[in-house]
Amino acid sequence: MLLEGDHPKLGSSARTLGVRVPQDIEPDANGDVHLGPHGMSVAPSLRDLPVQWVPKRLRHLREGAIGPDTSKVWCHGEGKFEAAIVAPHLVLQPDRTDHGTVAPDATMQLAAYEAALAATRPDWAIDES
């Protein structure tokens, strides 16, 4: 994700803290999003990220890294990469050993889900090891 100050930049692009609509999550006709396999994509480590999300400067850690060097690799928490509550109103839902999503923990308006993701901003730390 991109850096803004000391935290990840908020937004609705693939390189910001947030979700893309409808690529990452699709609200229903009422504007609600639901608990399920959709949300903000995450991986357990830098080595599990697709090469396009790892900055080129980190090729020594992730072979084939082609991401822009303006991006940073971030981590949130130190727990196991398993289904769990990760912040108020948010759950981690792994779908593979190397990928998961941070999803809403219940039906809520898209804006409430985006606000819950944004509220985690101070909790992210750069981890490029």
Protein backbone atom coordinates (compact mmCIF):
# COMPACT_ATOMS: atom_id res chain seq x y z
CA MET A 1 0.00 0.00 0.00
CA LEU A 2 1.03 3.56 -0.46
CA LEU A 3 2.39 5.56 2.44
CA GLU A 4 0.73 8.74 3.66
CA GLY A 5 2.48 10.26 6.66
CA ASP A 6 3.27 7.30 8.92
CA HIS A 7 0.29 5.17 7.87
CA PRO A 8 -1.15 3.46 4.83
CA LYS A 9 -2.97 5.79 2.47
CA LEU A 10 -6.76 5.43 2.56
CA GLY A 11 -8.63 4.94 -0.68
CA SER A 12 -10.47 2.64 -3.00
CA SER A 13 -7.61 1.47 -5.22
CA ALA A 14 -5.60 -1.73 -5.11
CA ARG A 15 -2.68 0.13 -3.51
CA THR A 16 -4.59 1.81 -0.67
CA LEU A 17 -6.22 0.79 2.59
CA GLY A 18 -9.79 0.14 1.56
CA VAL A 19 -11.83 -1.77 -0.98
CA ARG A 20 -12.68 -1.48 -4.64
CA VAL A 21 -16.33 -1.67 -5.56
CA PRO A 22 -17.35 -4.01 -7.16
CA GLN A 23 -14.00 -5.83 -7.63
CA ASP A 24 -13.41 -6.56 -3.92
CA ILE A 25 -16.91 -6.36 -2.52
CA GLU A 26 -20.31 -5.66 -4.05
CA PRO A 27 -23.05 -3.96 -2.06
CA ASP A 28 -26.60 -5.25 -2.49
CA ALA A 29 -29.50 -3.10 -3.72
CA ASN A 30 -29.76 -1.47 -0.27
CA GLY A 31 -26.07 -0.53 -0.20
CA ASP A 32 -25.28 -3.26 2.33
CA VAL A 33 -22.25 -5.55 2.35
CA HIS A 34 -22.33 -8.95 4.01
CA LEU A 35 -20.11 -11.38 5.86
CA GLY A 36 -18.65 -13.67 3.27
CA PRO A 37 -15.55 -14.34 1.21
CA HIS A 38 -15.33 -10.81 -0.19
CA GLY A 39 -13.45 -7.81 1.15
CA MET A 40 -9.96 -6.32 1.32
CA SER A 41 -7.36 -8.87 0.20
CA VAL A 42 -4.51 -9.72 2.56
CA ALA A 43 -1.69 -12.26 2.74
CA PRO A 44 0.16 -13.73 5.73
CA SER A 45 3.59 -12.44 4.64
CA LEU A 46 5.51 -10.51 2.03
CA ARG A 47 6.55 -13.81 0.44
CA ASP A 48 2.89 -14.73 -0.10
CA LEU A 49 1.97 -11.53 -1.93
CA PRO A 50 1.58 -11.58 -5.70
CA VAL A 51 4.72 -10.15 -7.33
CA GLN A 52 2.89 -7.05 -8.57
CA TRP A 53 2.23 -5.96 -4.95
CA VAL A 54 5.83 -6.33 -3.80
CA PRO A 55 8.09 -3.35 -4.58
CA LYS A 56 10.96 -4.10 -6.98
CA ARG A 57 13.46 -3.06 -4.30
CA LEU A 58 12.43 -6.21 -2.37
CA ARG A 59 13.32 -8.70 -5.13
CA HIS A 60 15.85 -10.21 -2.75
CA LEU A 61 12.90 -11.26 -0.55
CA ARG A 62 10.27 -12.02 -3.22
CA GLU A 63 11.63 -13.35 -6.48
CA GLY A 64 10.11 -11.59 -9.46
CA ALA A 65 8.80 -8.59 -7.49
CA ILE A 66 7.62 -5.96 -10.00
CA GLY A 67 5.63 -3.52 -7.84
CA PRO A 68 6.42 0.18 -7.78
CA ASP A 69 9.01 1.25 -5.25
CA THR A 70 6.58 3.91 -3.99
CA SER A 71 4.58 1.10 -2.34
CA LYS A 72 5.27 -0.36 1.10
CA VAL A 73 4.48 -3.78 2.51
CA TRP A 74 2.39 -3.54 5.68
CA CYS A 75 1.32 -5.90 8.44
CA HIS A 76 -1.56 -5.77 10.87
CA GLY A 77 -1.21 -7.75 14.07
CA GLU A 78 0.95 -10.69 14.97
CA GLY A 79 -1.53 -13.50 15.26
CA LYS A 80 -1.92 -16.61 13.17
CA PHE A 81 -3.36 -16.29 9.68
CA GLU A 82 -6.68 -17.88 10.58
CA ALA A 83 -10.32 -16.89 10.77
CA ALA A 84 -10.62 -14.35 13.57
CA ILE A 85 -11.90 -10.95 14.56
CA VAL A 86 -9.15 -8.50 13.61
CA ALA A 87 -10.77 -5.18 14.59
CA PRO A 88 -14.21 -3.92 15.54
CA HIS A 89 -16.68 -5.03 12.85
CA LEU A 90 -13.97 -6.82 10.81
CA VAL A 91 -12.98 -10.46 10.44
CA LEU A 92 -10.10 -12.19 8.69
CA GLN A 93 -11.33 -14.94 6.42
CA PRO A 94 -8.50 -16.95 4.86
CA ASP A 95 -9.51 -18.81 1.71
CA ARG A 96 -6.05 -20.29 1.10
CA THR A 97 -2.82 -20.54 3.08
CA ASP A 98 -1.49 -17.52 1.16
CA HIS A 99 -4.61 -15.32 0.80
CA GLY A 100 -7.59 -14.08 2.73
CA THR A 101 -9.92 -11.15 3.03
CA VAL A 102 -10.76 -8.69 5.76
CA ALA A 103 -14.53 -8.76 5.58
CA PRO A 104 -17.41 -7.17 7.47
CA ASP A 105 -18.40 -9.24 10.51
CA ALA A 106 -22.13 -8.76 9.79
CA THR A 107 -24.42 -7.03 7.33
CA MET A 108 -23.68 -3.30 7.29
CA GLN A 109 -23.72 -0.34 4.96
CA LEU A 110 -20.72 -0.09 2.63
CA ALA A 111 -19.78 3.24 4.23
CA ALA A 112 -19.70 1.61 7.69
CA TYR A 113 -17.45 -1.17 6.38
CA GLU A 114 -15.12 1.36 4.76
CA ALA A 115 -15.05 3.35 8.02
CA ALA A 116 -14.17 0.17 9.96
CA LEU A 117 -11.25 -0.48 7.59
CA ALA A 118 -10.13 3.16 7.86
CA ALA A 119 -10.23 2.93 11.67
CA THR A 120 -7.47 0.29 11.48
CA ARG A 121 -5.09 2.76 9.83
CA PRO A 122 -3.01 3.48 12.98
CA ASP A 123 -2.62 -0.27 13.62
CA TRP A 124 -0.69 -1.05 10.42
CA ALA A 125 3.11 -1.18 10.45
CA ILE A 126 5.60 -1.40 7.60
CA ASP A 127 7.08 -4.91 7.50
CA GLU A 128 9.49 -5.44 4.64
CA SER A 129 11.41 -8.32 6.12
